[in-house]
Amino acid sequence: MSSMKDRSELLADRLELPSDALSGTVKLSINGRRRVLIENHRGIISYEDTLIVIDCGNMKAIIRGDELKLGAMDKSDMLIRGRLLSIEFE
């Protein structure tokens, strides 16, 4: 019997979608040193203007920088703006 992950990957393949589209995998898109888009997040753990920690399910994303701000956020996606210095995962 196949797992739920295998089924979602098969469905994504049949619908010609990226494999992570149905699995809920966190996706980060970095635009230069000024913006990062985080898709499929689980919420904010910590928020400061130099450090933002994001719950990504089975890991945390730690964004360090200067003048960090939430540009936009909804249930699953978040845009962070500012001067990005580093992104780490725990």
PDB file of N, CA and C in Angstrom:
ATOM      1  N   MET A   1       0.850  -1.182   0.000  1.00  0.00           N
ATOM      2  CA  MET A   1       0.000   0.000   0.000  1.00  0.00           C
ATOM      3  C   MET A   1       0.892   1.241   0.000  1.00  0.00           C
ATOM      4  N   SER A   2       0.541   2.227  -0.812  1.00  0.00           N
ATOM      5  CA  SER A   2       1.360   3.432  -0.896  1.00  0.00           C
ATOM      6  C   SER A   2       1.011   4.418   0.212  1.00  0.00           C
ATOM      7  N   SER A   3       1.969   5.229   0.562  1.00  0.00           N
ATOM      8  CA  SER A   3       1.753   6.213   1.622  1.00  0.00           C
ATOM      9  C   SER A   3       1.043   7.439   1.068  1.00  0.00           C
ATOM     10  N   MET A   4       0.588   8.310   1.982  1.00  0.00           N
ATOM     11  CA  MET A   4      -0.097   9.538   1.585  1.00  0.00           C
ATOM     12  C   MET A   4       0.839  10.424   0.765  1.00  0.00           C
ATOM     13  N   LYS A   5       2.129  10.463   1.125  1.00  0.00           N
ATOM     14  CA  LYS A   5       3.095  11.272   0.381  1.00  0.00           C
ATOM     15  C   LYS A   5       3.217  10.764  -1.052  1.00  0.00           C
ATOM     16  N   ASP A   6       3.286   9.443  -1.223  1.00  0.00           N
ATOM     17  CA  ASP A   6       3.366   8.870  -2.565  1.00  0.00           C
ATOM     18  C   ASP A   6       2.130   9.222  -3.379  1.00  0.00           C
ATOM     19  N   ARG A   7       0.974   9.178  -2.756  1.00  0.00           N
ATOM     20  CA  ARG A   7      -0.273   9.502  -3.454  1.00  0.00           C
ATOM     21  C   ARG A   7      -0.302  10.964  -3.882  1.00  0.00           C
ATOM     22  N   SER A   8       0.139  11.864  -2.990  1.00  0.00           N
ATOM     23  CA  SER A   8       0.124  13.285  -3.347  1.00  0.00           C
ATOM     24  C   SER A   8       1.119  13.574  -4.470  1.00  0.00           C
ATOM     25  N   GLU A   9       2.270  12.896  -4.467  1.00  0.00           N
ATOM     26  CA  GLU A   9       3.239  13.076  -5.547  1.00  0.00           C
ATOM     27  C   GLU A   9       2.699  12.543  -6.869  1.00  0.00           C
ATOM     28  N   LEU A  10       2.002  11.414  -6.826  1.00  0.00           N
ATOM     29  CA  LEU A  10       1.393  10.840  -8.028  1.00  0.00           C
ATOM     30  C   LEU A  10       0.312  11.769  -8.582  1.00  0.00           C
ATOM     31  N   LEU A  11      -0.531  12.293  -7.700  1.00  0.00           N
ATOM     32  CA  LEU A  11      -1.585  13.216  -8.124  1.00  0.00           C
ATOM     33  C   LEU A  11      -0.981  14.491  -8.719  1.00  0.00           C
ATOM     34  N   ALA A  12       0.034  15.038  -8.066  1.00  0.00           N
ATOM     35  CA  ALA A  12       0.700  16.240  -8.587  1.00  0.00           C
ATOM     36  C   ALA A  12       1.287  15.967  -9.966  1.00  0.00           C
ATOM     37  N   ASP A  13       1.866  14.783 -10.140  1.00  0.00           N
ATOM     38  CA  ASP A  13       2.448  14.415 -11.433  1.00  0.00           C
ATOM     39  C   ASP A  13       1.362  14.332 -12.504  1.00  0.00           C
ATOM     40  N   ARG A  14       0.237  13.715 -12.176  1.00  0.00           N
ATOM     41  CA  ARG A  14      -0.859  13.588 -13.145  1.00  0.00           C
ATOM     42  C   ARG A  14      -1.482  14.933 -13.492  1.00  0.00           C
ATOM     43  N   LEU A  15      -1.494  15.858 -12.530  1.00  0.00           N
ATOM     44  CA  LEU A  15      -2.045  17.187 -12.775  1.00  0.00           C
ATOM     45  C   LEU A  15      -0.997  18.158 -13.314  1.00  0.00           C
ATOM     46  N   GLU A  16       0.227  17.635 -13.515  1.00  0.00           N
ATOM     47  CA  GLU A  16       1.357  18.422 -13.996  1.00  0.00           C
ATOM     48  C   GLU A  16       1.653  19.609 -13.087  1.00  0.00           C
ATOM     49  N   LEU A  17       1.637  19.353 -11.787  1.00  0.00           N
ATOM     50  CA  LEU A  17       1.973  20.347 -10.769  1.00  0.00           C
ATOM     51  C   LEU A  17       3.333  20.003 -10.179  1.00  0.00           C
ATOM     52  N   PRO A  18       4.017  20.979  -9.571  1.00  0.00           N
ATOM     53  CA  PRO A  18       5.261  20.646  -8.853  1.00  0.00           C
ATOM     54  C   PRO A  18       4.961  19.629  -7.752  1.00  0.00           C
ATOM     55  N   SER A  19       5.885  18.719  -7.486  1.00  0.00           N
ATOM     56  CA  SER A  19       5.642  17.640  -6.521  1.00  0.00           C
ATOM     57  C   SER A  19       5.344  18.147  -5.113  1.00  0.00           C
ATOM     58  N   ASP A  20       5.840  19.344  -4.749  1.00  0.00           N
ATOM     59  CA  ASP A  20       5.588  19.876  -3.420  1.00  0.00           C
ATOM     60  C   ASP A  20       4.262  20.621  -3.308  1.00  0.00           C
ATOM     61  N   ALA A  21       3.555  20.797  -4.411  1.00  0.00           N
ATOM     62  CA  ALA A  21       2.329  21.592  -4.411  1.00  0.00           C
ATOM     63  C   ALA A  21       1.237  21.004  -3.527  1.00  0.00           C
ATOM     64  N   LEU A  22       1.142  19.699  -3.454  1.00  0.00           N
ATOM     65  CA  LEU A  22       0.088  19.056  -2.667  1.00  0.00           C
ATOM     66  C   LEU A  22       0.587  18.470  -1.359  1.00  0.00           C
ATOM     67  N   SER A  23       1.888  18.436  -1.161  1.00  0.00           N
ATOM     68  CA  SER A  23       2.428  17.768   0.026  1.00  0.00           C
ATOM     69  C   SER A  23       2.566  18.686   1.234  1.00  0.00           C
ATOM     70  N   GLY A  24       2.420  20.004   1.061  1.00  0.00           N
ATOM     71  CA  GLY A  24       2.556  20.929   2.184  1.00  0.00           C
ATOM     72  C   GLY A  24       3.996  21.230   2.539  1.00  0.00           C
ATOM     73  N   THR A  25       4.931  20.893   1.666  1.00  0.00           N
ATOM     74  CA  THR A  25       6.338  21.168   1.909  1.00  0.00           C
ATOM     75  C   THR A  25       6.586  22.674   1.912  1.00  0.00           C
ATOM     76  N   VAL A  26       7.389  23.135   2.845  1.00  0.00           N
ATOM     77  CA  VAL A  26       7.720  24.557   2.911  1.00  0.00           C
ATOM     78  C   VAL A  26       8.618  24.913   1.740  1.00  0.00           C
ATOM     79  N   LYS A  27       8.330  26.058   1.132  1.00  0.00           N
ATOM     80  CA  LYS A  27       9.114  26.533  -0.006  1.00  0.00           C
ATOM     81  C   LYS A  27       9.546  27.963   0.263  1.00  0.00           C
ATOM     82  N   LEU A  28      10.843  28.243   0.128  1.00  0.00           N
ATOM     83  CA  LEU A  28      11.381  29.590   0.287  1.00  0.00           C
ATOM     84  C   LEU A  28      11.840  30.099  -1.074  1.00  0.00           C
ATOM     85  N   SER A  29      11.429  31.316  -1.397  1.00  0.00           N
ATOM     86  CA  SER A  29      11.878  31.982  -2.621  1.00  0.00           C
ATOM     87  C   SER A  29      12.564  33.271  -2.194  1.00  0.00           C
ATOM     88  N   ILE A  30      13.839  33.393  -2.515  1.00  0.00           N
ATOM     89  CA  ILE A  30      14.621  34.551  -2.100  1.00  0.00           C
ATOM     90  C   ILE A  30      14.814  35.458  -3.301  1.00  0.00           C
ATOM     91  N   ASN A  31      14.511  36.740  -3.108  1.00  0.00           N
ATOM     92  CA  ASN A  31      14.662  37.733  -4.158  1.00  0.00           C
ATOM     93  C   ASN A  31      15.763  38.701  -3.736  1.00  0.00           C
ATOM     94  N   GLY A  32      16.963  38.444  -4.192  1.00  0.00           N
ATOM     95  CA  GLY A  32      18.110  39.269  -3.810  1.00  0.00           C
ATOM     96  C   GLY A  32      18.366  39.190  -2.314  1.00  0.00           C
ATOM     97  N   ARG A  33      18.735  40.321  -1.714  1.00  0.00           N
ATOM     98  CA  ARG A  33      18.969  40.378  -0.266  1.00  0.00           C
ATOM     99  C   ARG A  33      17.882  41.157   0.438  1.00  0.00           C
ATOM    100  N   ARG A  34      16.749  41.408  -0.259  1.00  0.00           N
ATOM    101  CA  ARG A  34      15.724  42.278   0.307  1.00  0.00           C
ATOM    102  C   ARG A  34      14.389  41.596   0.607  1.00  0.00           C
ATOM    103  N   ARG A  35      14.122  40.435   0.015  1.00  0.00           N
ATOM    104  CA  ARG A  35      12.817  39.796   0.200  1.00  0.00           C
ATOM    105  C   ARG A  35      12.934  38.283   0.224  1.00  0.00           C
ATOM    106  N   VAL A  36      12.097  37.656   1.050  1.00  0.00           N
ATOM    107  CA  VAL A  36      11.971  36.202   1.044  1.00  0.00           C
ATOM    108  C   VAL A  36      10.490  35.863   1.188  1.00  0.00           C
ATOM    109  N   LEU A  37      10.007  34.992   0.320  1.00  0.00           N
ATOM    110  CA  LEU A  37       8.638  34.501   0.360  1.00  0.00           C
ATOM    111  C   LEU A  37       8.671  33.091   0.920  1.00  0.00           C
ATOM    112  N   ILE A  38       7.879  32.836   1.956  1.00  0.00           N
ATOM    113  CA  ILE A  38       7.817  31.519   2.576  1.00  0.00           C
ATOM    114  C   ILE A  38       6.410  30.975   2.374  1.00  0.00           C
ATOM    115  N   GLU A  39       6.324  29.854   1.677  1.00  0.00           N
ATOM    116  CA  GLU A  39       5.036  29.230   1.402  1.00  0.00           C
ATOM    117  C   GLU A  39       4.854  27.998   2.282  1.00  0.00           C
ATOM    118  N   ASN A  40       3.640  27.769   2.723  1.00  0.00           N
ATOM    119  CA  ASN A  40       3.254  26.612   3.550  1.00  0.00           C
ATOM    120  C   ASN A  40       3.858  26.652   4.952  1.00  0.00           C
ATOM    121  N   HIS A  41       4.027  27.853   5.511  1.00  0.00           N
ATOM    122  CA  HIS A  41       4.541  27.975   6.878  1.00  0.00           C
ATOM    123  C   HIS A  41       3.460  27.573   7.887  1.00  0.00           C
ATOM    124  N   ARG A  42       3.854  27.407   9.149  1.00  0.00           N
ATOM    125  CA  ARG A  42       2.911  27.048  10.215  1.00  0.00           C
ATOM    126  C   ARG A  42       2.757  28.165  11.247  1.00  0.00           C
ATOM    127  N   GLY A  43       3.426  29.301  11.030  1.00  0.00           N
ATOM    128  CA  GLY A  43       3.293  30.429  11.950  1.00  0.00           C
ATOM    129  C   GLY A  43       4.641  31.003  12.359  1.00  0.00           C
ATOM    130  N   ILE A  44       4.561  32.100  13.090  1.00  0.00           N
ATOM    131  CA  ILE A  44       5.761  32.796  13.572  1.00  0.00           C
ATOM    132  C   ILE A  44       6.030  32.383  15.015  1.00  0.00           C
ATOM    133  N   ILE A  45       7.260  31.997  15.298  1.00  0.00           N
ATOM    134  CA  ILE A  45       7.674  31.631  16.655  1.00  0.00           C
ATOM    135  C   ILE A  45       8.228  32.860  17.373  1.00  0.00           C
ATOM    136  N   SER A  46       9.038  33.645  16.673  1.00  0.00           N
ATOM    137  CA  SER A  46       9.663  34.827  17.257  1.00  0.00           C
ATOM    138  C   SER A  46       9.774  35.907  16.187  1.00  0.00           C
ATOM    139  N   TYR A  47       9.567  37.168  16.604  1.00  0.00           N
ATOM    140  CA  TYR A  47       9.589  38.274  15.638  1.00  0.00           C
ATOM    141  C   TYR A  47      10.295  39.480  16.244  1.00  0.00           C
ATOM    142  N   GLU A  48      11.403  39.865  15.648  1.00  0.00           N
ATOM    143  CA  GLU A  48      12.146  41.075  16.009  1.00  0.00           C
ATOM    144  C   GLU A  48      12.617  41.707  14.708  1.00  0.00           C
ATOM    145  N   ASP A  49      13.126  42.922  14.773  1.00  0.00           N
ATOM    146  CA  ASP A  49      13.568  43.568  13.532  1.00  0.00           C
ATOM    147  C   ASP A  49      14.902  43.032  13.021  1.00  0.00           C
ATOM    148  N   THR A  50      15.582  42.189  13.809  1.00  0.00           N
ATOM    149  CA  THR A  50      16.836  41.579  13.368  1.00  0.00           C
ATOM    150  C   THR A  50      16.767  40.056  13.279  1.00  0.00           C
ATOM    151  N   LEU A  51      15.642  39.464  13.713  1.00  0.00           N
ATOM    152  CA  LEU A  51      15.519  38.005  13.751  1.00  0.00           C
ATOM    153  C   LEU A  51      14.050  37.608  13.675  1.00  0.00           C
ATOM    154  N   ILE A  52      13.733  36.718  12.742  1.00  0.00           N
ATOM    155  CA  ILE A  52      12.388  36.155  12.651  1.00  0.00           C
ATOM    156  C   ILE A  52      12.540  34.644  12.583  1.00  0.00           C
ATOM    157  N   VAL A  53      11.840  33.938  13.474  1.00  0.00           N
ATOM    158  CA  VAL A  53      11.865  32.479  13.506  1.00  0.00           C
ATOM    159  C   VAL A  53      10.491  31.981  13.077  1.00  0.00           C
ATOM    160  N   ILE A  54      10.476  31.094  12.089  1.00  0.00           N
ATOM    161  CA  ILE A  54       9.229  30.618  11.500  1.00  0.00           C
ATOM    162  C   ILE A  54       9.105  29.113  11.682  1.00  0.00           C
ATOM    163  N   ASP A  55       7.915  28.687  12.102  1.00  0.00           N
ATOM    164  CA  ASP A  55       7.601  27.267  12.239  1.00  0.00           C
ATOM    165  C   ASP A  55       7.333  26.709  10.849  1.00  0.00           C
ATOM    166  N   CYS A  56       8.132  25.735  10.446  1.00  0.00           N
ATOM    167  CA  CYS A  56       7.986  25.106   9.131  1.00  0.00           C
ATOM    168  C   CYS A  56       7.585  23.642   9.269  1.00  0.00           C
ATOM    169  N   GLY A  57       6.874  23.318  10.326  1.00  0.00           N
ATOM    170  CA  GLY A  57       6.456  21.933  10.542  1.00  0.00           C
ATOM    171  C   GLY A  57       7.525  21.157  11.275  1.00  0.00           C
ATOM    172  N   ASN A  58       8.297  20.368  10.552  1.00  0.00           N
ATOM    173  CA  ASN A  58       9.324  19.539  11.188  1.00  0.00           C
ATOM    174  C   ASN A  58      10.659  20.251  11.355  1.00  0.00           C
ATOM    175  N   MET A  59      10.702  21.552  11.074  1.00  0.00           N
ATOM    176  CA  MET A  59      11.917  22.340  11.268  1.00  0.00           C
ATOM    177  C   MET A  59      11.537  23.803  11.490  1.00  0.00           C
ATOM    178  N   LYS A  60      12.539  24.608  11.833  1.00  0.00           N
ATOM    179  CA  LYS A  60      12.365  26.050  11.984  1.00  0.00           C
ATOM    180  C   LYS A  60      13.248  26.742  10.959  1.00  0.00           C
ATOM    181  N   ALA A  61      12.761  27.851  10.407  1.00  0.00           N
ATOM    182  CA  ALA A  61      13.584  28.704   9.556  1.00  0.00           C
ATOM    183  C   ALA A  61      13.918  29.946  10.371  1.00  0.00           C
ATOM    184  N   ILE A  62      15.192  30.269  10.455  1.00  0.00           N
ATOM    185  CA  ILE A  62      15.664  31.420  11.224  1.00  0.00           C
ATOM    186  C   ILE A  62      16.226  32.429  10.237  1.00  0.00           C
ATOM    187  N   ILE A  63      15.578  33.579  10.162  1.00  0.00           N
ATOM    188  CA  ILE A  63      15.994  34.625   9.235  1.00  0.00           C
ATOM    189  C   ILE A  63      16.613  35.754  10.039  1.00  0.00           C
ATOM    190  N   ARG A  64      17.854  36.074   9.709  1.00  0.00           N
ATOM    191  CA  ARG A  64      18.571  37.163  10.379  1.00  0.00           C
ATOM    192  C   ARG A  64      18.796  38.289   9.382  1.00  0.00           C
ATOM    193  N   GLY A  65      18.723  39.518   9.903  1.00  0.00           N
ATOM    194  CA  GLY A  65      18.944  40.656   9.029  1.00  0.00           C
ATOM    195  C   GLY A  65      18.749  41.962   9.767  1.00  0.00           C
ATOM    196  N   ASP A  66      18.578  43.031   9.019  1.00  0.00           N
ATOM    197  CA  ASP A  66      18.344  44.363   9.565  1.00  0.00           C
ATOM    198  C   ASP A  66      17.014  44.882   9.035  1.00  0.00           C
ATOM    199  N   GLU A  67      16.284  45.575   9.895  1.00  0.00           N
ATOM    200  CA  GLU A  67      15.001  46.183   9.537  1.00  0.00           C
ATOM    201  C   GLU A  67      14.036  45.172   8.919  1.00  0.00           C
ATOM    202  N   LEU A  68      13.994  43.945   9.484  1.00  0.00           N
ATOM    203  CA  LEU A  68      13.093  42.911   8.981  1.00  0.00           C
ATOM    204  C   LEU A  68      11.653  43.259   9.334  1.00  0.00           C
ATOM    205  N   LYS A  69      10.770  43.085   8.371  1.00  0.00           N
ATOM    206  CA  LYS A  69       9.350  43.375   8.558  1.00  0.00           C
ATOM    207  C   LYS A  69       8.523  42.380   7.764  1.00  0.00           C
ATOM    208  N   LEU A  70       7.322  42.105   8.257  1.00  0.00           N
ATOM    209  CA  LEU A  70       6.379  41.311   7.479  1.00  0.00           C
ATOM    210  C   LEU A  70       5.780  42.206   6.409  1.00  0.00           C
ATOM    211  N   GLY A  71       5.999  41.883   5.162  1.00  0.00           N
ATOM    212  CA  GLY A  71       5.409  42.643   4.073  1.00  0.00           C
ATOM    213  C   GLY A  71       3.967  42.233   3.858  1.00  0.00           C
ATOM    214  N   ALA A  72       3.690  40.939   4.045  1.00  0.00           N
ATOM    215  CA  ALA A  72       2.341  40.392   3.907  1.00  0.00           C
ATOM    216  C   ALA A  72       2.339  39.002   4.525  1.00  0.00           C
ATOM    217  N   MET A  73       1.156  38.580   4.976  1.00  0.00           N
ATOM    218  CA  MET A  73       1.043  37.244   5.562  1.00  0.00           C
ATOM    219  C   MET A  73      -0.404  36.794   5.501  1.00  0.00           C
ATOM    220  N   ASP A  74      -0.597  35.538   5.142  1.00  0.00           N
ATOM    221  CA  ASP A  74      -1.912  34.929   5.248  1.00  0.00           C
ATOM    222  C   ASP A  74      -1.745  33.558   5.888  1.00  0.00           C
ATOM    223  N   LYS A  75      -2.750  32.734   5.780  1.00  0.00           N
ATOM    224  CA  LYS A  75      -2.751  31.439   6.469  1.00  0.00           C
ATOM    225  C   LYS A  75      -1.551  30.557   6.122  1.00  0.00           C
ATOM    226  N   SER A  76      -1.081  30.616   4.876  1.00  0.00           N
ATOM    227  CA  SER A  76      -0.001  29.713   4.485  1.00  0.00           C
ATOM    228  C   SER A  76       1.242  30.390   3.900  1.00  0.00           C
ATOM    229  N   ASP A  77       1.140  31.645   3.513  1.00  0.00           N
ATOM    230  CA  ASP A  77       2.272  32.324   2.884  1.00  0.00           C
ATOM    231  C   ASP A  77       2.661  33.581   3.652  1.00  0.00           C
ATOM    232  N   MET A  78       3.935  33.916   3.591  1.00  0.00           N
ATOM    233  CA  MET A  78       4.425  35.117   4.274  1.00  0.00           C
ATOM    234  C   MET A  78       5.557  35.725   3.463  1.00  0.00           C
ATOM    235  N   LEU A  79       5.564  37.049   3.405  1.00  0.00           N
ATOM    236  CA  LEU A  79       6.611  37.798   2.723  1.00  0.00           C
ATOM    237  C   LEU A  79       7.358  38.607   3.770  1.00  0.00           C
ATOM    238  N   ILE A  80       8.672  38.430   3.811  1.00  0.00           N
ATOM    239  CA  ILE A  80       9.507  39.173   4.752  1.00  0.00           C
ATOM    240  C   ILE A  80      10.396  40.097   3.936  1.00  0.00           C
ATOM    241  N   ARG A  81      10.449  41.353   4.378  1.00  0.00           N
ATOM    242  CA  ARG A  81      11.272  42.365   3.709  1.00  0.00           C
ATOM    243  C   ARG A  81      12.306  42.903   4.680  1.00  0.00           C
ATOM    244  N   GLY A  82      13.364  43.408   4.154  1.00  0.00           N
ATOM    245  CA  GLY A  82      14.433  43.984   4.953  1.00  0.00           C
ATOM    246  C   GLY A  82      15.773  43.623   4.335  1.00  0.00           C
ATOM    247  N   ARG A  83      16.828  43.852   5.056  1.00  0.00           N
ATOM    248  CA  ARG A  83      18.173  43.481   4.585  1.00  0.00           C
ATOM    249  C   ARG A  83      18.505  42.102   5.129  1.00  0.00           C
ATOM    250  N   LEU A  84      18.410  41.088   4.277  1.00  0.00           N
ATOM    251  CA  LEU A  84      18.648  39.712   4.690  1.00  0.00           C
ATOM    252  C   LEU A  84      20.146  39.437   4.828  1.00  0.00           C
ATOM    253  N   LEU A  85      20.522  38.884   5.976  1.00  0.00           N
ATOM    254  CA  LEU A  85      21.923  38.522   6.204  1.00  0.00           C
ATOM    255  C   LEU A  85      22.136  37.019   6.142  1.00  0.00           C
ATOM    256  N   SER A  86      21.169  36.244   6.701  1.00  0.00           N
ATOM    257  CA  SER A  86      21.307  34.787   6.651  1.00  0.00           C
ATOM    258  C   SER A  86      19.961  34.109   6.859  1.00  0.00           C
ATOM    259  N   ILE A  87      19.876  32.875   6.366  1.00  0.00           N
ATOM    260  CA  ILE A  87      18.718  32.016   6.600  1.00  0.00           C
ATOM    261  C   ILE A  87      19.273  30.685   7.050  1.00  0.00           C
ATOM    262  N   GLU A  88      18.816  30.224   8.225  1.00  0.00           N
ATOM    263  CA  GLU A  88      19.293  28.962   8.786  1.00  0.00           C
ATOM    264  C   GLU A  88      18.092  28.064   9.048  1.00  0.00           C
ATOM    265  N   PHE A  89      18.360  26.759   9.150  1.00  0.00           N
ATOM    266  CA  PHE A  89      17.314  25.802   9.467  1.00  0.00           C
ATOM    267  C   PHE A  89      17.724  24.973  10.673  1.00  0.00           C
ATOM    268  N   GLU A  90      16.783  24.744  11.555  1.00  0.00           N
ATOM    269  CA  GLU A  90      17.007  23.900  12.747  1.00  0.00           C
ATOM    270  C   GLU A  90      16.024  22.759  12.737  1.00  0.00           C
TER     271      GLU A  90
END
